[in-house]
Amino acid sequence: MSKIAIVRIAGDVGKSGEINSTLKMLNLKRKFSCSVLENTKANMGMVKKVKDFATYGEIGEDTLKVLQQKRGKKNKKFFSLHPPIKGFERKGTKKSFKEGGALGYRGEKINDLLKRMI
């Protein structure tokens, strides 16, 4: 089964309690935190619920190894990352990835973002 990486882009201000609790269940308690999950129906339901506050995609094995080596601490459930080198996409953090922004599903391109954030 493939794994997906989800990275929280937005902070806490202005979010409903339901969205905040879903983000906490995904171990995304802070901005620029990353969580690696199994690609199951239940996990994807939670991810799609918070797609307007995070970005996600299929993570490669080599990117996962680098993430665990460089950013992994005692707690392997989530990783604290830096803001991306050279910033997010051109249209910023309020538009979807398909529209040229940073939010939502980005497929294999999540690996490029994670490498810039490690």
PDB file of N, CA and C in Angstrom:
ATOM      1  N   MET A   1       0.847  -1.188   0.000  1.00  0.00           N
ATOM      2  CA  MET A   1       0.000   0.000   0.000  1.00  0.00           C
ATOM      3  C   MET A   1       0.889   1.246   0.000  1.00  0.00           C
ATOM      4  N   SER A   2       0.529   2.214  -0.782  1.00  0.00           N
ATOM      5  CA  SER A   2       1.342   3.425  -0.886  1.00  0.00           C
ATOM      6  C   SER A   2       1.115   4.333   0.319  1.00  0.00           C
ATOM      7  N   LYS A   3       2.058   5.230   0.514  1.00  0.00           N
ATOM      8  CA  LYS A   3       1.960   6.180   1.607  1.00  0.00           C
ATOM      9  C   LYS A   3       1.762   7.571   1.038  1.00  0.00           C
ATOM     10  N   ILE A   4       1.059   8.391   1.803  1.00  0.00           N
ATOM     11  CA  ILE A   4       0.880   9.776   1.406  1.00  0.00           C
ATOM     12  C   ILE A   4       1.492  10.673   2.476  1.00  0.00           C
ATOM     13  N   ALA A   5       2.034  11.793   2.032  1.00  0.00           N
ATOM     14  CA  ALA A   5       2.557  12.806   2.941  1.00  0.00           C
ATOM     15  C   ALA A   5       1.615  13.991   2.883  1.00  0.00           C
ATOM     16  N   ILE A   6       1.295  14.532   4.046  1.00  0.00           N
ATOM     17  CA  ILE A   6       0.458  15.726   4.122  1.00  0.00           C
ATOM     18  C   ILE A   6       1.215  16.788   4.911  1.00  0.00           C
ATOM     19  N   VAL A   7       1.263  17.996   4.363  1.00  0.00           N
ATOM     20  CA  VAL A   7       1.978  19.112   4.971  1.00  0.00           C
ATOM     21  C   VAL A   7       0.983  20.220   5.261  1.00  0.00           C
ATOM     22  N   ARG A   8       0.964  20.676   6.501  1.00  0.00           N
ATOM     23  CA  ARG A   8       0.063  21.770   6.878  1.00  0.00           C
ATOM     24  C   ARG A   8       0.663  23.086   6.412  1.00  0.00           C
ATOM     25  N   ILE A   9      -0.136  23.889   5.714  1.00  0.00           N
ATOM     26  CA  ILE A   9       0.310  25.159   5.157  1.00  0.00           C
ATOM     27  C   ILE A   9      -0.216  26.337   5.976  1.00  0.00           C
ATOM     28  N   ALA A  10      -1.441  26.264   6.450  1.00  0.00           N
ATOM     29  CA  ALA A  10      -2.086  27.382   7.136  1.00  0.00           C
ATOM     30  C   ALA A  10      -2.005  27.217   8.649  1.00  0.00           C
ATOM     31  N   GLY A  11      -2.087  28.331   9.365  1.00  0.00           N
ATOM     32  CA  GLY A  11      -2.050  28.333  10.818  1.00  0.00           C
ATOM     33  C   GLY A  11      -3.411  28.060  11.439  1.00  0.00           C
ATOM     34  N   ASP A  12      -3.566  28.423  12.720  1.00  0.00           N
ATOM     35  CA  ASP A  12      -4.777  28.106  13.484  1.00  0.00           C
ATOM     36  C   ASP A  12      -5.896  29.123  13.368  1.00  0.00           C
ATOM     37  N   VAL A  13      -5.583  30.347  13.051  1.00  0.00           N
ATOM     38  CA  VAL A  13      -6.559  31.433  13.138  1.00  0.00           C
ATOM     39  C   VAL A  13      -7.682  31.258  12.115  1.00  0.00           C
ATOM     40  N   GLY A  14      -8.922  31.401  12.565  1.00  0.00           N
ATOM     41  CA  GLY A  14     -10.078  31.385  11.687  1.00  0.00           C
ATOM     42  C   GLY A  14     -10.566  30.016  11.257  1.00  0.00           C
ATOM     43  N   LYS A  15     -10.163  28.963  11.914  1.00  0.00           N
ATOM     44  CA  LYS A  15     -10.592  27.613  11.541  1.00  0.00           C
ATOM     45  C   LYS A  15     -11.670  27.141  12.511  1.00  0.00           C
ATOM     46  N   SER A  16     -12.603  26.362  12.017  1.00  0.00           N
ATOM     47  CA  SER A  16     -13.639  25.811  12.882  1.00  0.00           C
ATOM     48  C   SER A  16     -13.045  24.735  13.783  1.00  0.00           C
ATOM     49  N   GLY A  17     -13.760  24.421  14.834  1.00  0.00           N
ATOM     50  CA  GLY A  17     -13.292  23.394  15.758  1.00  0.00           C
ATOM     51  C   GLY A  17     -13.183  22.034  15.108  1.00  0.00           C
ATOM     52  N   GLU A  18     -14.069  21.772  14.171  1.00  0.00           N
ATOM     53  CA  GLU A  18     -14.054  20.482  13.468  1.00  0.00           C
ATOM     54  C   GLU A  18     -12.791  20.328  12.623  1.00  0.00           C
ATOM     55  N   ILE A  19     -12.398  21.402  11.929  1.00  0.00           N
ATOM     56  CA  ILE A  19     -11.182  21.367  11.116  1.00  0.00           C
ATOM     57  C   ILE A  19      -9.957  21.224  12.009  1.00  0.00           C
ATOM     58  N   ASN A  20      -9.909  21.985  13.110  1.00  0.00           N
ATOM     59  CA  ASN A  20      -8.772  21.892  14.031  1.00  0.00           C
ATOM     60  C   ASN A  20      -8.644  20.502  14.624  1.00  0.00           C
ATOM     61  N   SER A  21      -9.758  19.872  14.979  1.00  0.00           N
ATOM     62  CA  SER A  21      -9.681  18.524  15.546  1.00  0.00           C
ATOM     63  C   SER A  21      -9.224  17.508  14.504  1.00  0.00           C
ATOM     64  N   THR A  22      -9.638  17.681  13.255  1.00  0.00           N
ATOM     65  CA  THR A  22      -9.175  16.781  12.196  1.00  0.00           C
ATOM     66  C   THR A  22      -7.679  16.946  11.955  1.00  0.00           C
ATOM     67  N   LEU A  23      -7.201  18.188  11.966  1.00  0.00           N
ATOM     68  CA  LEU A  23      -5.767  18.426  11.815  1.00  0.00           C
ATOM     69  C   LEU A  23      -4.984  17.789  12.959  1.00  0.00           C
ATOM     70  N   LYS A  24      -5.511  17.849  14.177  1.00  0.00           N
ATOM     71  CA  LYS A  24      -4.834  17.221  15.321  1.00  0.00           C
ATOM     72  C   LYS A  24      -4.832  15.702  15.197  1.00  0.00           C
ATOM     73  N   MET A  25      -5.915  15.134  14.677  1.00  0.00           N
ATOM     74  CA  MET A  25      -5.956  13.672  14.467  1.00  0.00           C
ATOM     75  C   MET A  25      -4.917  13.230  13.436  1.00  0.00           C
ATOM     76  N   LEU A  26      -4.625  14.122  12.491  1.00  0.00           N
ATOM     77  CA  LEU A  26      -3.612  13.828  11.474  1.00  0.00           C
ATOM     78  C   LEU A  26      -2.198  14.171  11.953  1.00  0.00           C
ATOM     79  N   ASN A  27      -2.042  14.565  13.229  1.00  0.00           N
ATOM     80  CA  ASN A  27      -0.763  14.980  13.816  1.00  0.00           C
ATOM     81  C   ASN A  27      -0.182  16.203  13.122  1.00  0.00           C
ATOM     82  N   LEU A  28      -1.032  17.120  12.704  1.00  0.00           N
ATOM     83  CA  LEU A  28      -0.601  18.368  12.069  1.00  0.00           C
ATOM     84  C   LEU A  28      -0.975  19.512  13.003  1.00  0.00           C
ATOM     85  N   LYS A  29      -0.254  19.620  14.115  1.00  0.00           N
ATOM     86  CA  LYS A  29      -0.616  20.581  15.145  1.00  0.00           C
ATOM     87  C   LYS A  29      -0.088  21.973  14.873  1.00  0.00           C
ATOM     88  N   ARG A  30       0.954  22.096  14.058  1.00  0.00           N
ATOM     89  CA  ARG A  30       1.566  23.391  13.785  1.00  0.00           C
ATOM     90  C   ARG A  30       1.724  23.598  12.284  1.00  0.00           C
ATOM     91  N   LYS A  31       1.950  24.841  11.917  1.00  0.00           N
ATOM     92  CA  LYS A  31       2.221  25.181  10.532  1.00  0.00           C
ATOM     93  C   LYS A  31       3.555  24.556  10.128  1.00  0.00           C
ATOM     94  N   PHE A  32       3.665  24.083   8.905  1.00  0.00           N
ATOM     95  CA  PHE A  32       4.847  23.427   8.336  1.00  0.00           C
ATOM     96  C   PHE A  32       5.181  22.103   9.020  1.00  0.00           C
ATOM     97  N   SER A  33       4.188  21.427   9.567  1.00  0.00           N
ATOM     98  CA  SER A  33       4.425  20.080  10.064  1.00  0.00           C
ATOM     99  C   SER A  33       3.956  19.095   8.996  1.00  0.00           C
ATOM    100  N   CYS A  34       4.586  17.930   8.982  1.00  0.00           N
ATOM    101  CA  CYS A  34       4.308  16.917   7.965  1.00  0.00           C
ATOM    102  C   CYS A  34       3.972  15.609   8.652  1.00  0.00           C
ATOM    103  N   SER A  35       3.041  14.884   8.095  1.00  0.00           N
ATOM    104  CA  SER A  35       2.656  13.584   8.599  1.00  0.00           C
ATOM    105  C   SER A  35       2.614  12.609   7.431  1.00  0.00           C
ATOM    106  N   VAL A  36       3.109  11.394   7.654  1.00  0.00           N
ATOM    107  CA  VAL A  36       3.104  10.358   6.618  1.00  0.00           C
ATOM    108  C   VAL A  36       2.086   9.303   7.030  1.00  0.00           C
ATOM    109  N   LEU A  37       1.118   9.042   6.155  1.00  0.00           N
ATOM    110  CA  LEU A  37       0.005   8.140   6.454  1.00  0.00           C
ATOM    111  C   LEU A  37      -0.112   7.049   5.407  1.00  0.00           C
ATOM    112  N   GLU A  38      -0.754   5.954   5.797  1.00  0.00           N
ATOM    113  CA  GLU A  38      -1.112   4.925   4.827  1.00  0.00           C
ATOM    114  C   GLU A  38      -2.255   5.463   3.969  1.00  0.00           C
ATOM    115  N   ASN A  39      -2.295   5.060   2.726  1.00  0.00           N
ATOM    116  CA  ASN A  39      -3.325   5.532   1.805  1.00  0.00           C
ATOM    117  C   ASN A  39      -4.577   4.674   1.960  1.00  0.00           C
ATOM    118  N   THR A  40      -5.313   4.899   3.059  1.00  0.00           N
ATOM    119  CA  THR A  40      -6.555   4.160   3.306  1.00  0.00           C
ATOM    120  C   THR A  40      -7.747   5.093   3.095  1.00  0.00           C
ATOM    121  N   LYS A  41      -8.915   4.500   3.005  1.00  0.00           N
ATOM    122  CA  LYS A  41     -10.124   5.279   2.772  1.00  0.00           C
ATOM    123  C   LYS A  41     -10.404   6.237   3.931  1.00  0.00           C
ATOM    124  N   ALA A  42     -10.193   5.787   5.169  1.00  0.00           N
ATOM    125  CA  ALA A  42     -10.443   6.635   6.338  1.00  0.00           C
ATOM    126  C   ALA A  42      -9.482   7.817   6.377  1.00  0.00           C
ATOM    127  N   ASN A  43      -8.198   7.547   6.133  1.00  0.00           N
ATOM    128  CA  ASN A  43      -7.212   8.632   6.131  1.00  0.00           C
ATOM    129  C   ASN A  43      -7.493   9.627   5.012  1.00  0.00           C
ATOM    130  N   MET A  44      -7.854   9.135   3.840  1.00  0.00           N
ATOM    131  CA  MET A  44      -8.123  10.030   2.710  1.00  0.00           C
ATOM    132  C   MET A  44      -9.358  10.898   2.972  1.00  0.00           C
ATOM    133  N   GLY A  45     -10.328  10.374   3.714  1.00  0.00           N
ATOM    134  CA  GLY A  45     -11.484  11.173   4.080  1.00  0.00           C
ATOM    135  C   GLY A  45     -11.092  12.356   4.951  1.00  0.00           C
ATOM    136  N   MET A  46     -10.199  12.111   5.916  1.00  0.00           N
ATOM    137  CA  MET A  46      -9.720  13.201   6.771  1.00  0.00           C
ATOM    138  C   MET A  46      -8.879  14.190   5.980  1.00  0.00           C
ATOM    139  N   VAL A  47      -8.039  13.679   5.091  1.00  0.00           N
ATOM    140  CA  VAL A  47      -7.173  14.548   4.292  1.00  0.00           C
ATOM    141  C   VAL A  47      -8.003  15.447   3.385  1.00  0.00           C
ATOM    142  N   LYS A  48      -9.027  14.894   2.764  1.00  0.00           N
ATOM    143  CA  LYS A  48      -9.871  15.704   1.875  1.00  0.00           C
ATOM    144  C   LYS A  48     -10.659  16.756   2.644  1.00  0.00           C
ATOM    145  N   LYS A  49     -10.928  16.489   3.912  1.00  0.00           N
ATOM    146  CA  LYS A  49     -11.636  17.464   4.733  1.00  0.00           C
ATOM    147  C   LYS A  49     -10.775  18.706   5.008  1.00  0.00           C
ATOM    148  N   VAL A  50      -9.447  18.521   5.099  1.00  0.00           N
ATOM    149  CA  VAL A  50      -8.550  19.643   5.418  1.00  0.00           C
ATOM    150  C   VAL A  50      -7.739  20.096   4.204  1.00  0.00           C
ATOM    151  N   LYS A  51      -8.185  19.753   3.007  1.00  0.00           N
ATOM    152  CA  LYS A  51      -7.423  20.067   1.794  1.00  0.00           C
ATOM    153  C   LYS A  51      -7.256  21.561   1.551  1.00  0.00           C
ATOM    154  N   ASP A  52      -8.091  22.391   2.164  1.00  0.00           N
ATOM    155  CA  ASP A  52      -7.971  23.836   1.998  1.00  0.00           C
ATOM    156  C   ASP A  52      -6.967  24.461   2.969  1.00  0.00           C
ATOM    157  N   PHE A  53      -6.351  23.646   3.797  1.00  0.00           N
ATOM    158  CA  PHE A  53      -5.375  24.139   4.768  1.00  0.00           C
ATOM    159  C   PHE A  53      -4.055  23.392   4.690  1.00  0.00           C
ATOM    160  N   ALA A  54      -3.969  22.408   3.794  1.00  0.00           N
ATOM    161  CA  ALA A  54      -2.778  21.574   3.694  1.00  0.00           C
ATOM    162  C   ALA A  54      -2.580  21.134   2.244  1.00  0.00           C
ATOM    163  N   THR A  55      -1.421  20.546   1.977  1.00  0.00           N
ATOM    164  CA  THR A  55      -1.147  19.964   0.669  1.00  0.00           C
ATOM    165  C   THR A  55      -0.714  18.521   0.884  1.00  0.00           C
ATOM    166  N   TYR A  56      -0.988  17.658  -0.092  1.00  0.00           N
ATOM    167  CA  TYR A  56      -0.679  16.239   0.080  1.00  0.00           C
ATOM    168  C   TYR A  56      -0.384  15.579  -1.254  1.00  0.00           C
ATOM    169  N   GLY A  57       0.229  14.408  -1.171  1.00  0.00           N
ATOM    170  CA  GLY A  57       0.538  13.626  -2.360  1.00  0.00           C
ATOM    171  C   GLY A  57       1.262  12.349  -1.983  1.00  0.00           C
ATOM    172  N   GLU A  58       1.564  11.525  -2.975  1.00  0.00           N
ATOM    173  CA  GLU A  58       2.245  10.253  -2.748  1.00  0.00           C
ATOM    174  C   GLU A  58       3.734  10.495  -2.527  1.00  0.00           C
ATOM    175  N   ILE A  59       4.250  10.008  -1.411  1.00  0.00           N
ATOM    176  CA  ILE A  59       5.656  10.218  -1.078  1.00  0.00           C
ATOM    177  C   ILE A  59       6.482   9.048  -1.595  1.00  0.00           C
ATOM    178  N   GLY A  60       7.660   9.358  -2.130  1.00  0.00           N
ATOM    179  CA  GLY A  60       8.578   8.332  -2.614  1.00  0.00           C
ATOM    180  C   GLY A  60       9.401   7.760  -1.471  1.00  0.00           C
ATOM    181  N   GLU A  61       9.907   6.547  -1.651  1.00  0.00           N
ATOM    182  CA  GLU A  61      10.694   5.882  -0.610  1.00  0.00           C
ATOM    183  C   GLU A  61      11.961   6.649  -0.284  1.00  0.00           C
ATOM    184  N   ASP A  62      12.653   7.176  -1.305  1.00  0.00           N
ATOM    185  CA  ASP A  62      13.893   7.913  -1.051  1.00  0.00           C
ATOM    186  C   ASP A  62      13.632   9.202  -0.280  1.00  0.00           C
ATOM    187  N   THR A  63      12.541   9.903  -0.585  1.00  0.00           N
ATOM    188  CA  THR A  63      12.196  11.126   0.145  1.00  0.00           C
ATOM    189  C   THR A  63      11.830  10.799   1.589  1.00  0.00           C
ATOM    190  N   LEU A  64      11.141   9.690   1.807  1.00  0.00           N
ATOM    191  CA  LEU A  64      10.773   9.276   3.162  1.00  0.00           C
ATOM    192  C   LEU A  64      12.014   8.961   3.992  1.00  0.00           C
ATOM    193  N   LYS A  65      12.998   8.306   3.387  1.00  0.00           N
ATOM    194  CA  LYS A  65      14.240   8.000   4.108  1.00  0.00           C
ATOM    195  C   LYS A  65      14.971   9.266   4.517  1.00  0.00           C
ATOM    196  N   VAL A  66      15.082  10.218   3.591  1.00  0.00           N
ATOM    197  CA  VAL A  66      15.767  11.480   3.891  1.00  0.00           C
ATOM    198  C   VAL A  66      15.012  12.241   4.973  1.00  0.00           C
ATOM    199  N   LEU A  67      13.689  12.230   4.906  1.00  0.00           N
ATOM    200  CA  LEU A  67      12.854  12.903   5.899  1.00  0.00           C
ATOM    201  C   LEU A  67      13.076  12.303   7.285  1.00  0.00           C
ATOM    202  N   GLN A  68      13.127  10.984   7.369  1.00  0.00           N
ATOM    203  CA  GLN A  68      13.334  10.328   8.656  1.00  0.00           C
ATOM    204  C   GLN A  68      14.737  10.566   9.195  1.00  0.00           C
ATOM    205  N   GLN A  69      15.734  10.597   8.320  1.00  0.00           N
ATOM    206  CA  GLN A  69      17.110  10.804   8.769  1.00  0.00           C
ATOM    207  C   GLN A  69      17.348  12.228   9.251  1.00  0.00           C
ATOM    208  N   LYS A  70      16.882  13.209   8.488  1.00  0.00           N
ATOM    209  CA  LYS A  70      17.217  14.597   8.788  1.00  0.00           C
ATOM    210  C   LYS A  70      16.250  15.276   9.738  1.00  0.00           C
ATOM    211  N   ARG A  71      14.966  14.961   9.665  1.00  0.00           N
ATOM    212  CA  ARG A  71      13.972  15.664  10.480  1.00  0.00           C
ATOM    213  C   ARG A  71      13.305  14.772  11.515  1.00  0.00           C
ATOM    214  N   GLY A  72      13.584  13.464  11.494  1.00  0.00           N
ATOM    215  CA  GLY A  72      12.947  12.551  12.424  1.00  0.00           C
ATOM    216  C   GLY A  72      13.566  12.627  13.801  1.00  0.00           C
ATOM    217  N   LYS A  73      12.733  12.695  14.813  1.00  0.00           N
ATOM    218  CA  LYS A  73      13.208  12.689  16.185  1.00  0.00           C
ATOM    219  C   LYS A  73      12.635  11.438  16.833  1.00  0.00           C
ATOM    220  N   LYS A  74      12.479  11.448  18.126  1.00  0.00           N
ATOM    221  CA  LYS A  74      11.920  10.287  18.822  1.00  0.00           C
ATOM    222  C   LYS A  74      10.517   9.966  18.342  1.00  0.00           C
ATOM    223  N   ASN A  75       9.736  11.000  18.058  1.00  0.00           N
ATOM    224  CA  ASN A  75       8.359  10.809  17.610  1.00  0.00           C
ATOM    225  C   ASN A  75       8.343  10.713  16.081  1.00  0.00           C
ATOM    226  N   LYS A  76       8.060   9.532  15.549  1.00  0.00           N
ATOM    227  CA  LYS A  76       8.048   9.334  14.094  1.00  0.00           C
ATOM    228  C   LYS A  76       6.684   9.605  13.474  1.00  0.00           C
ATOM    229  N   LYS A  77       5.699  10.057  14.260  1.00  0.00           N
ATOM    230  CA  LYS A  77       4.363  10.282  13.718  1.00  0.00           C
ATOM    231  C   LYS A  77       4.275  11.541  12.886  1.00  0.00           C
ATOM    232  N   PHE A  78       5.084  12.544  13.211  1.00  0.00           N
ATOM    233  CA  PHE A  78       5.076  13.770  12.422  1.00  0.00           C
ATOM    234  C   PHE A  78       6.478  14.348  12.375  1.00  0.00           C
ATOM    235  N   PHE A  79       6.692  15.242  11.422  1.00  0.00           N
ATOM    236  CA  PHE A  79       7.994  15.874  11.223  1.00  0.00           C
ATOM    237  C   PHE A  79       7.803  17.384  11.191  1.00  0.00           C
ATOM    238  N   SER A  80       8.671  18.098  11.884  1.00  0.00           N
ATOM    239  CA  SER A  80       8.663  19.556  11.831  1.00  0.00           C
ATOM    240  C   SER A  80       9.564  19.986  10.680  1.00  0.00           C
ATOM    241  N   LEU A  81       9.057  20.820   9.797  1.00  0.00           N
ATOM    242  CA  LEU A  81       9.818  21.232   8.624  1.00  0.00           C
ATOM    243  C   LEU A  81      10.064  22.732   8.644  1.00  0.00           C
ATOM    244  N   HIS A  82      10.987  23.169   7.782  1.00  0.00           N
ATOM    245  CA  HIS A  82      11.247  24.586   7.564  1.00  0.00           C
ATOM    246  C   HIS A  82      10.305  25.090   6.472  1.00  0.00           C
ATOM    247  N   PRO A  83      10.110  26.405   6.376  1.00  0.00           N
ATOM    248  CA  PRO A  83       9.401  26.925   5.200  1.00  0.00           C
ATOM    249  C   PRO A  83      10.198  26.572   3.944  1.00  0.00           C
ATOM    250  N   PRO A  84       9.551  26.398   2.803  1.00  0.00           N
ATOM    251  CA  PRO A  84      10.271  25.935   1.610  1.00  0.00           C
ATOM    252  C   PRO A  84      11.266  26.971   1.086  1.00  0.00           C
ATOM    253  N   ILE A  85      12.417  26.482   0.668  1.00  0.00           N
ATOM    254  CA  ILE A  85      13.419  27.331   0.035  1.00  0.00           C
ATOM    255  C   ILE A  85      12.828  27.856  -1.271  1.00  0.00           C
ATOM    256  N   LYS A  86      12.975  29.114  -1.533  1.00  0.00           N
ATOM    257  CA  LYS A  86      12.424  29.825  -2.688  1.00  0.00           C
ATOM    258  C   LYS A  86      10.897  29.908  -2.647  1.00  0.00           C
ATOM    259  N   GLY A  87      10.306  29.689  -1.487  1.00  0.00           N
ATOM    260  CA  GLY A  87       8.881  29.917  -1.281  1.00  0.00           C
ATOM    261  C   GLY A  87       7.956  28.892  -1.912  1.00  0.00           C
ATOM    262  N   PHE A  88       6.668  29.177  -1.782  1.00  0.00           N
ATOM    263  CA  PHE A  88       5.650  28.323  -2.375  1.00  0.00           C
ATOM    264  C   PHE A  88       5.450  28.703  -3.828  1.00  0.00           C
ATOM    265  N   GLU A  89       4.473  28.103  -4.444  1.00  0.00           N
ATOM    266  CA  GLU A  89       4.203  28.363  -5.852  1.00  0.00           C
ATOM    267  C   GLU A  89       3.786  29.813  -6.073  1.00  0.00           C
ATOM    268  N   ARG A  90       3.722  30.202  -7.292  1.00  0.00           N
ATOM    269  CA  ARG A  90       3.576  31.595  -7.690  1.00  0.00           C
ATOM    270  C   ARG A  90       2.342  32.291  -7.117  1.00  0.00           C
ATOM    271  N   LYS A  91       1.216  31.592  -7.049  1.00  0.00           N
ATOM    272  CA  LYS A  91      -0.023  32.236  -6.601  1.00  0.00           C
ATOM    273  C   LYS A  91      -0.240  32.155  -5.097  1.00  0.00           C
ATOM    274  N   GLY A  92       0.724  31.619  -4.341  1.00  0.00           N
ATOM    275  CA  GLY A  92       0.671  31.665  -2.885  1.00  0.00           C
ATOM    276  C   GLY A  92      -0.086  30.545  -2.221  1.00  0.00           C
ATOM    277  N   THR A  93      -0.450  30.786  -0.962  1.00  0.00           N
ATOM    278  CA  THR A  93      -1.010  29.737  -0.113  1.00  0.00           C
ATOM    279  C   THR A  93      -2.525  29.779   0.005  1.00  0.00           C
ATOM    280  N   LYS A  94      -3.192  30.503  -0.867  1.00  0.00           N
ATOM    281  CA  LYS A  94      -4.646  30.571  -0.793  1.00  0.00           C
ATOM    282  C   LYS A  94      -5.342  29.967  -2.000  1.00  0.00           C
ATOM    283  N   LYS A  95      -4.587  29.485  -2.955  1.00  0.00           N
ATOM    284  CA  LYS A  95      -5.157  28.863  -4.161  1.00  0.00           C
ATOM    285  C   LYS A  95      -4.743  27.389  -4.197  1.00  0.00           C
ATOM    286  N   SER A  96      -5.517  26.603  -4.930  1.00  0.00           N
ATOM    287  CA  SER A  96      -5.196  25.181  -5.051  1.00  0.00           C
ATOM    288  C   SER A  96      -3.984  24.990  -5.969  1.00  0.00           C
ATOM    289  N   PHE A  97      -3.381  23.831  -5.883  1.00  0.00           N
ATOM    290  CA  PHE A  97      -2.196  23.538  -6.675  1.00  0.00           C
ATOM    291  C   PHE A  97      -2.507  23.565  -8.172  1.00  0.00           C
ATOM    292  N   LYS A  98      -3.701  23.133  -8.538  1.00  0.00           N
ATOM    293  CA  LYS A  98      -4.108  23.150  -9.950  1.00  0.00           C
ATOM    294  C   LYS A  98      -4.205  24.565 -10.503  1.00  0.00           C
ATOM    295  N   GLU A  99      -4.525  25.530  -9.627  1.00  0.00           N
ATOM    296  CA  GLU A  99      -4.637  26.927 -10.043  1.00  0.00           C
ATOM    297  C   GLU A  99      -3.315  27.680  -9.935  1.00  0.00           C
ATOM    298  N   GLY A 100      -2.236  26.993  -9.562  1.00  0.00           N
ATOM    299  CA  GLY A 100      -0.932  27.634  -9.441  1.00  0.00           C
ATOM    300  C   GLY A 100      -0.565  27.989  -8.010  1.00  0.00           C
ATOM    301  N   GLY A 101      -1.365  27.570  -7.042  1.00  0.00           N
ATOM    302  CA  GLY A 101      -1.101  27.850  -5.635  1.00  0.00           C
ATOM    303  C   GLY A 101      -0.423  26.684  -4.939  1.00  0.00           C
ATOM    304  N   ALA A 102      -0.608  26.599  -3.611  1.00  0.00           N
ATOM    305  CA  ALA A 102       0.097  25.595  -2.823  1.00  0.00           C
ATOM    306  C   ALA A 102      -0.809  24.556  -2.170  1.00  0.00           C
ATOM    307  N   LEU A 103      -2.115  24.741  -2.152  1.00  0.00           N
ATOM    308  CA  LEU A 103      -3.001  23.861  -1.386  1.00  0.00           C
ATOM    309  C   LEU A 103      -3.507  22.672  -2.189  1.00  0.00           C
ATOM    310  N   GLY A 104      -3.939  21.627  -1.472  1.00  0.00           N
ATOM    311  CA  GLY A 104      -4.600  20.492  -2.100  1.00  0.00           C
ATOM    312  C   GLY A 104      -3.663  19.423  -2.626  1.00  0.00           C
ATOM    313  N   TYR A 105      -4.199  18.604  -3.517  1.00  0.00           N
ATOM    314  CA  TYR A 105      -3.485  17.438  -4.038  1.00  0.00           C
ATOM    315  C   TYR A 105      -2.436  17.857  -5.062  1.00  0.00           C
ATOM    316  N   ARG A 106      -1.215  17.320  -4.893  1.00  0.00           N
ATOM    317  CA  ARG A 106      -0.157  17.619  -5.858  1.00  0.00           C
ATOM    318  C   ARG A 106       0.555  16.369  -6.359  1.00  0.00           C
ATOM    319  N   GLY A 107       0.085  15.196  -5.995  1.00  0.00           N
ATOM    320  CA  GLY A 107       0.633  13.949  -6.533  1.00  0.00           C
ATOM    321  C   GLY A 107       2.100  13.745  -6.185  1.00  0.00           C
ATOM    322  N   GLU A 108       2.885  13.333  -7.176  1.00  0.00           N
ATOM    323  CA  GLU A 108       4.311  13.051  -6.975  1.00  0.00           C
ATOM    324  C   GLU A 108       5.116  14.321  -6.702  1.00  0.00           C
ATOM    325  N   LYS A 109       4.583  15.482  -7.017  1.00  0.00           N
ATOM    326  CA  LYS A 109       5.324  16.731  -6.825  1.00  0.00           C
ATOM    327  C   LYS A 109       5.462  17.102  -5.358  1.00  0.00           C
ATOM    328  N   ILE A 110       4.818  16.353  -4.450  1.00  0.00           N
ATOM    329  CA  ILE A 110       5.006  16.578  -3.017  1.00  0.00           C
ATOM    330  C   ILE A 110       6.457  16.303  -2.640  1.00  0.00           C
ATOM    331  N   ASN A 111       7.105  15.388  -3.377  1.00  0.00           N
ATOM    332  CA  ASN A 111       8.504  15.069  -3.087  1.00  0.00           C
ATOM    333  C   ASN A 111       9.413  16.276  -3.308  1.00  0.00           C
ATOM    334  N   ASP A 112       9.153  17.056  -4.364  1.00  0.00           N
ATOM    335  CA  ASP A 112       9.947  18.260  -4.617  1.00  0.00           C
ATOM    336  C   ASP A 112       9.760  19.269  -3.502  1.00  0.00           C
ATOM    337  N   LEU A 113       8.528  19.456  -3.048  1.00  0.00           N
ATOM    338  CA  LEU A 113       8.248  20.396  -1.962  1.00  0.00           C
ATOM    339  C   LEU A 113       8.935  19.957  -0.677  1.00  0.00           C
ATOM    340  N   LEU A 114       8.839  18.672  -0.352  1.00  0.00           N
ATOM    341  CA  LEU A 114       9.452  18.171   0.880  1.00  0.00           C
ATOM    342  C   LEU A 114      10.968  18.337   0.860  1.00  0.00           C
ATOM    343  N   LYS A 115      11.592  18.105  -0.288  1.00  0.00           N
ATOM    344  CA  LYS A 115      13.045  18.284  -0.371  1.00  0.00           C
ATOM    345  C   LYS A 115      13.447  19.731  -0.145  1.00  0.00           C
ATOM    346  N   ARG A 116      12.594  20.669  -0.561  1.00  0.00           N
ATOM    347  CA  ARG A 116      12.892  22.087  -0.321  1.00  0.00           C
ATOM    348  C   ARG A 116      12.627  22.483   1.124  1.00  0.00           C
ATOM    349  N   MET A 117      11.822  21.695   1.849  1.00  0.00           N
ATOM    350  CA  MET A 117      11.477  22.031   3.229  1.00  0.00           C
ATOM    351  C   MET A 117      12.351  21.313   4.252  1.00  0.00           C
ATOM    352  N   ILE A 118      13.087  20.289   3.850  1.00  0.00           N
ATOM    353  CA  ILE A 118      13.957  19.563   4.785  1.00  0.00           C
ATOM    354  C   ILE A 118      15.157  20.410   5.051  1.00  0.00           C
TER     355      ILE A 118
END
